[in-house]
Amino acid sequence: MKTWLIIVGVVFCATVIHAQKKVSITIDDVPNAGLYASEGFRSRLLHQIDSMKLPVAIFINEVRIFDVDEADKSLNLFDEWIGSPNVTIGNHGYQHRMYSSEGIDSFKIDVLQGEAISKPLARKYDKGENYYRFPYNDLGKDAAEHKQAADFLASRGYTITPFTVHSDDWLVTQLYAHYKAQGRTKDAQRIGQAFVEFTLKNFEYIESITDKKLARNVSQIYLMHDNLLNADYLGELITALKKRGYSFITLDEAMKDAVYKQQDYYELRHGISWVYRWIKDGQQRMQLMRAAPDSDAFEKELSLIKK
């Protein structure tokens, strides 16, 4: 009897741990005005988010509002994004510039320009714009640039937004959009399904690192983009993550996890996951990065269709 109680207890604990998985969904490069225009100035991605009551944080490049001739319609849809009760607002720089190439003065201007429209709209809906995500997750070419940018952002009331999981959707969506445009439905579906599976592998891999190093589940932060691929497959990905035991939380809640107070040991410009940035040993960091699932198959297929 005692043995059975122990087994039941172990199973129960394992179930509880599995159910405690949490992730915050964050979306870069909002608004995708070109996509909206091609679909009658609607955002299927936003519609899915609101239908699922999915908490997300969006990171805004305001210049993209003007990517289309009918900028007024684009602006109206941008207003809908910010007004959604499911959306937390973040700045992603006005023109999505790479900080390490531009330098601190241009960086500051880009940050300030990037809040000109969104901050007043945030106030309209009694929201703040408290988060900043670096374009390309390029925090600067060295420690000095990292500190310069961090100090400036803090002076503007911004929290630098990390991520733990991504799945190269910016790359895969090019391949997916090509097949859709060509009317090659089966190939598009194949890529969409492969993308969901690839994303789940990335979650599993990052979980394996954080579980081993911290002996607990952490609040993951997933980075995705406002694009056609996600407009079509976000719902399927969310369903798959739920099956893996994930619940979905706001960015505010995710950032309360003590894991995000760890020291960032990475002082170069490449946009790597914070899970790797928390590793002090550079050789160990590189080994883990090389062992991660890669998007080589998608990249190879994309290169073939571009020939």
C-alpha atoms as a PDB file:
ATOM      1  CA  MET A   1       0.000   0.000   0.000  1.00  0.00           C
ATOM      2  CA  LYS A   2       2.796   2.377   0.943  1.00  0.00           C
ATOM      3  CA  THR A   3       4.529   1.687  -2.387  1.00  0.00           C
ATOM      4  CA  TRP A   4       1.373   2.531  -4.297  1.00  0.00           C
ATOM      5  CA  LEU A   5       1.008   5.786  -2.382  1.00  0.00           C
ATOM      6  CA  ILE A   6       4.566   6.754  -3.324  1.00  0.00           C
ATOM      7  CA  ILE A   7       3.900   5.971  -7.000  1.00  0.00           C
ATOM      8  CA  VAL A   8       0.671   7.964  -6.976  1.00  0.00           C
ATOM      9  CA  GLY A   9       2.497  10.838  -5.305  1.00  0.00           C
ATOM     10  CA  VAL A  10       5.244  10.847  -7.920  1.00  0.00           C
ATOM     11  CA  VAL A  11       2.724  10.775 -10.765  1.00  0.00           C
ATOM     12  CA  PHE A  12       0.734  13.578  -9.141  1.00  0.00           C
ATOM     13  CA  CYS A  13       3.835  15.740  -8.705  1.00  0.00           C
ATOM     14  CA  ALA A  14       4.888  15.126 -12.297  1.00  0.00           C
ATOM     15  CA  THR A  15       1.406  16.119 -13.481  1.00  0.00           C
ATOM     16  CA  VAL A  16       1.479  19.309 -11.417  1.00  0.00           C
ATOM     17  CA  ILE A  17       4.918  20.258 -12.747  1.00  0.00           C
ATOM     18  CA  HIS A  18       3.769  19.591 -16.323  1.00  0.00           C
ATOM     19  CA  ALA A  19       0.692  21.782 -15.790  1.00  0.00           C
ATOM     20  CA  GLN A  20       2.778  24.654 -14.480  1.00  0.00           C
ATOM     21  CA  LYS A  21       4.370  25.467 -17.815  1.00  0.00           C
ATOM     22  CA  LYS A  22       3.804  29.087 -18.775  1.00  0.00           C
ATOM     23  CA  VAL A  23       4.651  31.186 -21.800  1.00  0.00           C
ATOM     24  CA  SER A  24       4.185  34.780 -22.850  1.00  0.00           C
ATOM     25  CA  ILE A  25       3.604  35.299 -26.582  1.00  0.00           C
ATOM     26  CA  THR A  26       5.370  38.367 -28.004  1.00  0.00           C
ATOM     27  CA  ILE A  27       4.962  39.655 -31.546  1.00  0.00           C
ATOM     28  CA  ASP A  28       7.551  41.791 -33.330  1.00  0.00           C
ATOM     29  CA  ASP A  29       7.183  44.052 -36.384  1.00  0.00           C
ATOM     30  CA  VAL A  30       3.616  45.192 -35.792  1.00  0.00           C
ATOM     31  CA  PRO A  31       1.867  46.506 -37.863  1.00  0.00           C
ATOM     32  CA  ASN A  32       2.326  44.489 -41.046  1.00  0.00           C
ATOM     33  CA  ALA A  33       0.430  47.024 -43.147  1.00  0.00           C
ATOM     34  CA  GLY A  34       1.348  45.358 -46.445  1.00  0.00           C
ATOM     35  CA  LEU A  35      -0.298  42.121 -45.355  1.00  0.00           C
ATOM     36  CA  TYR A  36      -3.340  43.973 -44.012  1.00  0.00           C
ATOM     37  CA  ALA A  37      -3.807  45.837 -47.308  1.00  0.00           C
ATOM     38  CA  SER A  38      -3.712  42.589 -49.292  1.00  0.00           C
ATOM     39  CA  GLU A  39      -6.475  41.183 -47.064  1.00  0.00           C
ATOM     40  CA  GLY A  40      -8.840  44.142 -47.113  1.00  0.00           C
ATOM     41  CA  PHE A  41      -7.293  45.967 -44.170  1.00  0.00           C
ATOM     42  CA  ARG A  42      -7.998  43.374 -41.554  1.00  0.00           C
ATOM     43  CA  SER A  43      -5.635  41.425 -39.364  1.00  0.00           C
ATOM     44  CA  ARG A  44      -6.451  37.749 -39.119  1.00  0.00           C
ATOM     45  CA  LEU A  45      -3.684  37.465 -36.539  1.00  0.00           C
ATOM     46  CA  LEU A  46      -5.362  40.016 -34.272  1.00  0.00           C
ATOM     47  CA  HIS A  47      -8.715  38.341 -34.865  1.00  0.00           C
ATOM     48  CA  GLN A  48      -7.283  35.010 -33.676  1.00  0.00           C
ATOM     49  CA  ILE A  49      -5.726  36.624 -30.627  1.00  0.00           C
ATOM     50  CA  ASP A  50      -9.003  38.232 -29.615  1.00  0.00           C
ATOM     51  CA  SER A  51     -11.025  35.092 -30.397  1.00  0.00           C
ATOM     52  CA  MET A  52      -8.751  33.010 -28.146  1.00  0.00           C
ATOM     53  CA  LYS A  53      -8.473  35.811 -25.553  1.00  0.00           C
ATOM     54  CA  LEU A  54      -4.745  35.182 -25.837  1.00  0.00           C
ATOM     55  CA  PRO A  55      -2.539  37.634 -23.916  1.00  0.00           C
ATOM     56  CA  VAL A  56       0.219  38.958 -26.174  1.00  0.00           C
ATOM     57  CA  ALA A  57       2.749  41.773 -26.223  1.00  0.00           C
ATOM     58  CA  ILE A  58       3.328  43.581 -29.517  1.00  0.00           C
ATOM     59  CA  PHE A  59       6.513  45.404 -30.502  1.00  0.00           C
ATOM     60  CA  ILE A  60       5.831  48.254 -32.862  1.00  0.00           C
ATOM     61  CA  ASN A  61       7.690  49.748 -35.828  1.00  0.00           C
ATOM     62  CA  GLU A  62       5.584  52.833 -36.502  1.00  0.00           C
ATOM     63  CA  VAL A  63       7.120  53.434 -39.939  1.00  0.00           C
ATOM     64  CA  ARG A  64       5.280  50.334 -41.157  1.00  0.00           C
ATOM     65  CA  ILE A  65       1.948  52.138 -40.820  1.00  0.00           C
ATOM     66  CA  PHE A  66       2.979  54.084 -43.912  1.00  0.00           C
ATOM     67  CA  ASP A  67       4.043  51.063 -45.993  1.00  0.00           C
ATOM     68  CA  VAL A  68       0.809  51.320 -47.977  1.00  0.00           C
ATOM     69  CA  ASP A  69      -0.986  54.034 -49.932  1.00  0.00           C
ATOM     70  CA  GLU A  70      -4.028  53.973 -47.644  1.00  0.00           C
ATOM     71  CA  ALA A  71      -2.160  54.805 -44.462  1.00  0.00           C
ATOM     72  CA  ASP A  72      -5.346  56.038 -42.787  1.00  0.00           C
ATOM     73  CA  LYS A  73      -6.823  52.521 -42.954  1.00  0.00           C
ATOM     74  CA  SER A  74      -3.553  51.085 -41.703  1.00  0.00           C
ATOM     75  CA  LEU A  75      -3.607  53.531 -38.788  1.00  0.00           C
ATOM     76  CA  ASN A  76      -7.184  52.570 -37.924  1.00  0.00           C
ATOM     77  CA  LEU A  77      -6.195  48.910 -37.740  1.00  0.00           C
ATOM     78  CA  PHE A  78      -3.135  49.849 -35.674  1.00  0.00           C
ATOM     79  CA  ASP A  79      -5.571  51.565 -33.287  1.00  0.00           C
ATOM     80  CA  GLU A  80      -7.490  48.278 -33.044  1.00  0.00           C
ATOM     81  CA  TRP A  81      -4.303  46.412 -32.100  1.00  0.00           C
ATOM     82  CA  ILE A  82      -3.514  48.838 -29.310  1.00  0.00           C
ATOM     83  CA  GLY A  83      -7.112  48.943 -28.127  1.00  0.00           C
ATOM     84  CA  SER A  84      -7.407  45.171 -27.814  1.00  0.00           C
ATOM     85  CA  PRO A  85      -7.767  44.121 -24.142  1.00  0.00           C
ATOM     86  CA  ASN A  86      -5.425  41.204 -24.875  1.00  0.00           C
ATOM     87  CA  VAL A  87      -2.524  43.365 -26.059  1.00  0.00           C
ATOM     88  CA  THR A  88       0.429  44.798 -24.114  1.00  0.00           C
ATOM     89  CA  ILE A  89       2.341  47.486 -25.997  1.00  0.00           C
ATOM     90  CA  GLY A  90       6.077  47.677 -26.669  1.00  0.00           C
ATOM     91  CA  ASN A  91       8.410  49.846 -28.744  1.00  0.00           C
ATOM     92  CA  HIS A  92      10.553  48.146 -31.421  1.00  0.00           C
ATOM     93  CA  GLY A  93      12.138  51.286 -32.835  1.00  0.00           C
ATOM     94  CA  TYR A  94      10.616  53.463 -35.544  1.00  0.00           C
ATOM     95  CA  GLN A  95      12.570  51.987 -38.464  1.00  0.00           C
ATOM     96  CA  HIS A  96      13.792  48.669 -37.035  1.00  0.00           C
ATOM     97  CA  ARG A  97      17.414  49.783 -37.198  1.00  0.00           C
ATOM     98  CA  MET A  98      20.355  47.667 -36.085  1.00  0.00           C
ATOM     99  CA  TYR A  99      21.785  49.464 -33.075  1.00  0.00           C
ATOM    100  CA  SER A 100      25.377  48.219 -33.415  1.00  0.00           C
ATOM    101  CA  SER A 101      25.514  49.652 -36.942  1.00  0.00           C
ATOM    102  CA  GLU A 102      23.752  52.950 -36.197  1.00  0.00           C
ATOM    103  CA  GLY A 103      25.325  54.029 -32.898  1.00  0.00           C
ATOM    104  CA  ILE A 104      23.789  55.511 -29.774  1.00  0.00           C
ATOM    105  CA  ASP A 105      22.648  58.862 -31.181  1.00  0.00           C
ATOM    106  CA  SER A 106      20.649  57.315 -34.022  1.00  0.00           C
ATOM    107  CA  PHE A 107      19.376  54.689 -31.613  1.00  0.00           C
ATOM    108  CA  LYS A 108      17.943  57.349 -29.306  1.00  0.00           C
ATOM    109  CA  ILE A 109      16.199  59.120 -32.181  1.00  0.00           C
ATOM    110  CA  ASP A 110      14.715  55.851 -33.408  1.00  0.00           C
ATOM    111  CA  VAL A 111      13.337  55.041 -29.954  1.00  0.00           C
ATOM    112  CA  LEU A 112      11.747  58.479 -29.600  1.00  0.00           C
ATOM    113  CA  GLN A 113      10.255  58.432 -33.098  1.00  0.00           C
ATOM    114  CA  GLY A 114       8.942  54.952 -32.369  1.00  0.00           C
ATOM    115  CA  GLU A 115       6.649  56.172 -29.621  1.00  0.00           C
ATOM    116  CA  ALA A 116       5.159  59.232 -31.364  1.00  0.00           C
ATOM    117  CA  ILE A 117       1.884  57.550 -32.381  1.00  0.00           C
ATOM    118  CA  SER A 118       1.716  54.542 -30.083  1.00  0.00           C
ATOM    119  CA  LYS A 119       2.152  56.364 -26.769  1.00  0.00           C
ATOM    120  CA  PRO A 120      -0.837  58.698 -27.299  1.00  0.00           C
ATOM    121  CA  LEU A 121      -2.919  55.720 -28.430  1.00  0.00           C
ATOM    122  CA  ALA A 122      -1.802  53.796 -25.360  1.00  0.00           C
ATOM    123  CA  ARG A 123      -3.030  56.637 -23.155  1.00  0.00           C
ATOM    124  CA  LYS A 124      -6.327  56.608 -25.056  1.00  0.00           C
ATOM    125  CA  TYR A 125      -6.848  53.040 -23.849  1.00  0.00           C
ATOM    126  CA  ASP A 126      -5.360  53.600 -20.375  1.00  0.00           C
ATOM    127  CA  LYS A 127      -2.297  51.553 -21.183  1.00  0.00           C
ATOM    128  CA  GLY A 128       1.417  52.148 -20.854  1.00  0.00           C
ATOM    129  CA  GLU A 129       4.207  51.522 -23.334  1.00  0.00           C
ATOM    130  CA  ASN A 130       6.710  50.133 -20.890  1.00  0.00           C
ATOM    131  CA  TYR A 131       8.675  47.576 -22.888  1.00  0.00           C
ATOM    132  CA  TYR A 132      11.354  47.889 -25.543  1.00  0.00           C
ATOM    133  CA  ARG A 133      12.726  45.127 -27.743  1.00  0.00           C
ATOM    134  CA  PHE A 134      15.855  45.757 -29.776  1.00  0.00           C
ATOM    135  CA  PRO A 135      15.493  45.236 -33.529  1.00  0.00           C
ATOM    136  CA  TYR A 136      17.285  41.989 -34.408  1.00  0.00           C
ATOM    137  CA  ASN A 137      17.800  41.678 -30.622  1.00  0.00           C
ATOM    138  CA  ASP A 138      21.022  43.573 -31.234  1.00  0.00           C
ATOM    139  CA  LEU A 139      21.872  45.120 -27.857  1.00  0.00           C
ATOM    140  CA  GLY A 140      25.125  46.660 -29.119  1.00  0.00           C
ATOM    141  CA  LYS A 141      28.536  45.529 -30.288  1.00  0.00           C
ATOM    142  CA  ASP A 142      30.169  45.539 -26.842  1.00  0.00           C
ATOM    143  CA  ALA A 143      29.550  46.051 -23.130  1.00  0.00           C
ATOM    144  CA  ALA A 144      29.846  49.841 -23.412  1.00  0.00           C
ATOM    145  CA  GLU A 145      27.122  50.036 -26.059  1.00  0.00           C
ATOM    146  CA  HIS A 146      24.943  47.653 -24.063  1.00  0.00           C
ATOM    147  CA  LYS A 147      25.150  49.967 -21.066  1.00  0.00           C
ATOM    148  CA  GLN A 148      24.578  53.162 -23.062  1.00  0.00           C
ATOM    149  CA  ALA A 149      21.370  51.816 -24.535  1.00  0.00           C
ATOM    150  CA  ALA A 150      20.170  50.306 -21.256  1.00  0.00           C
ATOM    151  CA  ASP A 151      20.708  53.587 -19.405  1.00  0.00           C
ATOM    152  CA  PHE A 152      18.817  55.566 -22.045  1.00  0.00           C
ATOM    153  CA  LEU A 153      15.916  53.131 -22.123  1.00  0.00           C
ATOM    154  CA  ALA A 154      15.676  53.179 -18.326  1.00  0.00           C
ATOM    155  CA  SER A 155      15.528  56.976 -18.425  1.00  0.00           C
ATOM    156  CA  ARG A 156      12.501  56.667 -20.739  1.00  0.00           C
ATOM    157  CA  GLY A 157      10.801  54.145 -18.461  1.00  0.00           C
ATOM    158  CA  TYR A 158      11.383  51.124 -20.674  1.00  0.00           C
ATOM    159  CA  THR A 159      12.170  47.566 -19.628  1.00  0.00           C
ATOM    160  CA  ILE A 160      14.348  45.672 -22.114  1.00  0.00           C
ATOM    161  CA  THR A 161      12.338  42.682 -23.304  1.00  0.00           C
ATOM    162  CA  PRO A 162      14.107  39.323 -23.530  1.00  0.00           C
ATOM    163  CA  PHE A 163      12.999  36.123 -25.216  1.00  0.00           C
ATOM    164  CA  THR A 164      13.795  32.494 -24.579  1.00  0.00           C
ATOM    165  CA  VAL A 165      12.236  30.699 -27.563  1.00  0.00           C
ATOM    166  CA  HIS A 166      11.983  31.579 -31.239  1.00  0.00           C
ATOM    167  CA  SER A 167      11.595  29.551 -34.426  1.00  0.00           C
ATOM    168  CA  ASP A 168      12.877  31.657 -37.349  1.00  0.00           C
ATOM    169  CA  ASP A 169       9.346  32.430 -38.530  1.00  0.00           C
ATOM    170  CA  TRP A 170      10.704  35.495 -40.367  1.00  0.00           C
ATOM    171  CA  LEU A 171      12.529  33.027 -42.638  1.00  0.00           C
ATOM    172  CA  VAL A 172       9.876  30.335 -42.933  1.00  0.00           C
ATOM    173  CA  THR A 173       7.132  32.823 -43.828  1.00  0.00           C
ATOM    174  CA  GLN A 174       9.006  33.720 -47.033  1.00  0.00           C
ATOM    175  CA  LEU A 175       8.840  30.117 -48.180  1.00  0.00           C
ATOM    176  CA  TYR A 176       5.242  29.747 -47.046  1.00  0.00           C
ATOM    177  CA  ALA A 177       4.121  32.968 -48.765  1.00  0.00           C
ATOM    178  CA  HIS A 178       5.805  31.877 -52.004  1.00  0.00           C
ATOM    179  CA  TYR A 179       3.841  28.643 -52.152  1.00  0.00           C
ATOM    180  CA  LYS A 180       0.604  30.431 -51.263  1.00  0.00           C
ATOM    181  CA  ALA A 181       1.159  32.997 -54.012  1.00  0.00           C
ATOM    182  CA  GLN A 182       1.856  30.200 -56.512  1.00  0.00           C
ATOM    183  CA  GLY A 183      -1.331  28.397 -55.551  1.00  0.00           C
ATOM    184  CA  ARG A 184       0.688  25.428 -54.324  1.00  0.00           C
ATOM    185  CA  THR A 185      -1.631  24.665 -51.425  1.00  0.00           C
ATOM    186  CA  LYS A 186      -0.162  21.286 -50.477  1.00  0.00           C
ATOM    187  CA  ASP A 187       3.362  22.696 -50.308  1.00  0.00           C
ATOM    188  CA  ALA A 188       2.142  25.636 -48.219  1.00  0.00           C
ATOM    189  CA  GLN A 189       0.388  23.255 -45.818  1.00  0.00           C
ATOM    190  CA  ARG A 190       3.497  21.091 -45.639  1.00  0.00           C
ATOM    191  CA  ILE A 191       5.596  24.096 -44.647  1.00  0.00           C
ATOM    192  CA  GLY A 192       2.997  25.291 -42.151  1.00  0.00           C
ATOM    193  CA  GLN A 193       2.851  21.907 -40.423  1.00  0.00           C
ATOM    194  CA  ALA A 194       6.631  21.571 -40.462  1.00  0.00           C
ATOM    195  CA  PHE A 195       6.907  25.021 -38.910  1.00  0.00           C
ATOM    196  CA  VAL A 196       4.618  24.104 -36.000  1.00  0.00           C
ATOM    197  CA  GLU A 197       6.635  20.934 -35.380  1.00  0.00           C
ATOM    198  CA  PHE A 198       9.895  22.889 -35.587  1.00  0.00           C
ATOM    199  CA  THR A 199       8.602  25.439 -33.082  1.00  0.00           C
ATOM    200  CA  LEU A 200       7.641  22.684 -30.642  1.00  0.00           C
ATOM    201  CA  LYS A 201      11.146  21.222 -30.964  1.00  0.00           C
ATOM    202  CA  ASN A 202      12.573  24.620 -30.068  1.00  0.00           C
ATOM    203  CA  PHE A 203      10.366  24.779 -26.983  1.00  0.00           C
ATOM    204  CA  GLU A 204      11.437  21.284 -25.986  1.00  0.00           C
ATOM    205  CA  TYR A 205      15.102  22.119 -26.413  1.00  0.00           C
ATOM    206  CA  ILE A 206      14.965  25.327 -24.390  1.00  0.00           C
ATOM    207  CA  GLU A 207      12.933  23.533 -21.720  1.00  0.00           C
ATOM    208  CA  SER A 208      15.641  20.874 -21.507  1.00  0.00           C
ATOM    209  CA  ILE A 209      18.229  23.556 -20.732  1.00  0.00           C
ATOM    210  CA  THR A 210      16.207  25.558 -18.231  1.00  0.00           C
ATOM    211  CA  ASP A 211      14.871  22.435 -16.499  1.00  0.00           C
ATOM    212  CA  LYS A 212      18.391  21.068 -16.082  1.00  0.00           C
ATOM    213  CA  LYS A 213      19.989  24.300 -14.902  1.00  0.00           C
ATOM    214  CA  LEU A 214      17.186  25.518 -12.646  1.00  0.00           C
ATOM    215  CA  ALA A 215      15.358  22.275 -11.777  1.00  0.00           C
ATOM    216  CA  ARG A 216      12.021  23.966 -12.433  1.00  0.00           C
ATOM    217  CA  ASN A 217       9.806  25.291 -15.171  1.00  0.00           C
ATOM    218  CA  VAL A 218      10.428  28.925 -16.022  1.00  0.00           C
ATOM    219  CA  SER A 219       8.051  31.409 -17.598  1.00  0.00           C
ATOM    220  CA  GLN A 220       9.122  31.228 -21.224  1.00  0.00           C
ATOM    221  CA  ILE A 221       8.890  34.199 -23.603  1.00  0.00           C
ATOM    222  CA  TYR A 222       8.225  33.275 -27.224  1.00  0.00           C
ATOM    223  CA  LEU A 223       9.238  35.637 -30.037  1.00  0.00           C
ATOM    224  CA  MET A 224       7.197  35.629 -33.250  1.00  0.00           C
ATOM    225  CA  HIS A 225       6.319  38.159 -35.968  1.00  0.00           C
ATOM    226  CA  ASP A 226       3.261  39.698 -37.553  1.00  0.00           C
ATOM    227  CA  ASN A 227       3.298  37.742 -40.809  1.00  0.00           C
ATOM    228  CA  LEU A 228       1.257  35.482 -43.071  1.00  0.00           C
ATOM    229  CA  LEU A 229       2.590  32.240 -41.600  1.00  0.00           C
ATOM    230  CA  ASN A 230       1.495  33.151 -38.095  1.00  0.00           C
ATOM    231  CA  ALA A 231      -1.830  34.549 -39.319  1.00  0.00           C
ATOM    232  CA  ASP A 232      -2.550  31.048 -40.653  1.00  0.00           C
ATOM    233  CA  TYR A 233      -0.889  28.858 -38.001  1.00  0.00           C
ATOM    234  CA  LEU A 234      -0.925  30.621 -34.637  1.00  0.00           C
ATOM    235  CA  GLY A 235      -4.102  28.801 -33.603  1.00  0.00           C
ATOM    236  CA  GLU A 236      -2.580  25.423 -34.393  1.00  0.00           C
ATOM    237  CA  LEU A 237       0.591  26.287 -32.493  1.00  0.00           C
ATOM    238  CA  ILE A 238      -1.368  27.439 -29.438  1.00  0.00           C
ATOM    239  CA  THR A 239      -3.362  24.180 -29.451  1.00  0.00           C
ATOM    240  CA  ALA A 240      -0.130  22.169 -29.642  1.00  0.00           C
ATOM    241  CA  LEU A 241       1.426  24.129 -26.777  1.00  0.00           C
ATOM    242  CA  LYS A 242      -1.664  23.570 -24.641  1.00  0.00           C
ATOM    243  CA  LYS A 243      -1.242  19.833 -25.216  1.00  0.00           C
ATOM    244  CA  ARG A 244       2.295  20.218 -23.896  1.00  0.00           C
ATOM    245  CA  GLY A 245       0.875  21.655 -20.676  1.00  0.00           C
ATOM    246  CA  TYR A 246       1.364  25.350 -21.370  1.00  0.00           C
ATOM    247  CA  SER A 247      -0.825  28.145 -20.119  1.00  0.00           C
ATOM    248  CA  PHE A 248      -0.517  31.629 -21.566  1.00  0.00           C
ATOM    249  CA  ILE A 249       0.400  34.645 -19.481  1.00  0.00           C
ATOM    250  CA  THR A 250       1.022  38.341 -19.963  1.00  0.00           C
ATOM    251  CA  LEU A 251       4.500  39.697 -20.439  1.00  0.00           C
ATOM    252  CA  ASP A 252       4.142  41.488 -17.100  1.00  0.00           C
ATOM    253  CA  GLU A 253       3.597  38.155 -15.388  1.00  0.00           C
ATOM    254  CA  ALA A 254       6.430  36.426 -17.243  1.00  0.00           C
ATOM    255  CA  MET A 255       8.899  39.137 -16.292  1.00  0.00           C
ATOM    256  CA  LYS A 256       8.178  38.525 -12.603  1.00  0.00           C
ATOM    257  CA  ASP A 257      10.003  35.195 -12.898  1.00  0.00           C
ATOM    258  CA  ALA A 258      13.323  35.525 -11.071  1.00  0.00           C
ATOM    259  CA  VAL A 259      15.075  33.978 -14.060  1.00  0.00           C
ATOM    260  CA  TYR A 260      14.909  37.355 -15.834  1.00  0.00           C
ATOM    261  CA  LYS A 261      16.932  38.991 -13.083  1.00  0.00           C
ATOM    262  CA  GLN A 262      19.953  36.830 -13.888  1.00  0.00           C
ATOM    263  CA  GLN A 263      23.096  38.468 -15.193  1.00  0.00           C
ATOM    264  CA  ASP A 264      23.471  38.744 -18.962  1.00  0.00           C
ATOM    265  CA  TYR A 265      27.013  37.578 -19.755  1.00  0.00           C
ATOM    266  CA  TYR A 266      26.748  38.040 -23.500  1.00  0.00           C
ATOM    267  CA  GLU A 267      28.262  41.306 -24.744  1.00  0.00           C
ATOM    268  CA  LEU A 268      28.177  40.964 -28.525  1.00  0.00           C
ATOM    269  CA  ARG A 269      25.563  42.090 -31.040  1.00  0.00           C
ATOM    270  CA  HIS A 270      24.013  38.847 -32.297  1.00  0.00           C
ATOM    271  CA  GLY A 271      20.416  38.321 -31.235  1.00  0.00           C
ATOM    272  CA  ILE A 272      20.553  35.109 -29.231  1.00  0.00           C
ATOM    273  CA  SER A 273      18.098  33.715 -26.689  1.00  0.00           C
ATOM    274  CA  TRP A 274      18.494  34.930 -23.122  1.00  0.00           C
ATOM    275  CA  VAL A 275      18.844  31.305 -22.058  1.00  0.00           C
ATOM    276  CA  TYR A 276      22.263  31.416 -23.724  1.00  0.00           C
ATOM    277  CA  ARG A 277      23.039  34.913 -22.436  1.00  0.00           C
ATOM    278  CA  TRP A 278      22.755  33.653 -18.860  1.00  0.00           C
ATOM    279  CA  ILE A 279      25.608  31.178 -19.413  1.00  0.00           C
ATOM    280  CA  LYS A 280      28.923  32.618 -18.310  1.00  0.00           C
ATOM    281  CA  ASP A 281      31.131  30.020 -19.990  1.00  0.00           C
ATOM    282  CA  GLY A 282      31.377  31.031 -23.654  1.00  0.00           C
ATOM    283  CA  GLN A 283      32.393  27.566 -24.818  1.00  0.00           C
ATOM    284  CA  GLN A 284      29.444  25.938 -23.077  1.00  0.00           C
ATOM    285  CA  ARG A 285      27.154  28.591 -24.528  1.00  0.00           C
ATOM    286  CA  MET A 286      28.379  27.861 -28.042  1.00  0.00           C
ATOM    287  CA  GLN A 287      27.981  24.103 -27.606  1.00  0.00           C
ATOM    288  CA  LEU A 288      24.376  24.512 -26.532  1.00  0.00           C
ATOM    289  CA  MET A 289      23.616  26.879 -29.392  1.00  0.00           C
ATOM    290  CA  ARG A 290      25.090  24.478 -31.947  1.00  0.00           C
ATOM    291  CA  ALA A 291      23.008  21.608 -30.565  1.00  0.00           C
ATOM    292  CA  ALA A 292      19.730  23.527 -30.956  1.00  0.00           C
ATOM    293  CA  PRO A 293      17.212  22.629 -33.685  1.00  0.00           C
ATOM    294  CA  ASP A 294      18.095  24.514 -36.853  1.00  0.00           C
ATOM    295  CA  SER A 295      16.104  25.911 -39.753  1.00  0.00           C
ATOM    296  CA  ASP A 296      18.570  24.699 -42.399  1.00  0.00           C
ATOM    297  CA  ALA A 297      15.966  22.656 -44.279  1.00  0.00           C
ATOM    298  CA  PHE A 298      13.684  25.680 -44.654  1.00  0.00           C
ATOM    299  CA  GLU A 299      16.600  27.856 -45.692  1.00  0.00           C
ATOM    300  CA  LYS A 300      17.766  25.322 -48.280  1.00  0.00           C
ATOM    301  CA  GLU A 301      14.301  25.021 -49.800  1.00  0.00           C
ATOM    302  CA  LEU A 302      13.947  28.796 -49.906  1.00  0.00           C
ATOM    303  CA  SER A 303      17.294  29.166 -51.689  1.00  0.00           C
ATOM    304  CA  LEU A 304      16.181  26.654 -54.350  1.00  0.00           C
ATOM    305  CA  ILE A 305      12.999  28.531 -55.216  1.00  0.00           C
ATOM    306  CA  LYS A 306      14.918  31.813 -55.443  1.00  0.00           C
ATOM    307  CA  LYS A 307      17.242  30.478 -58.137  1.00  0.00           C
END
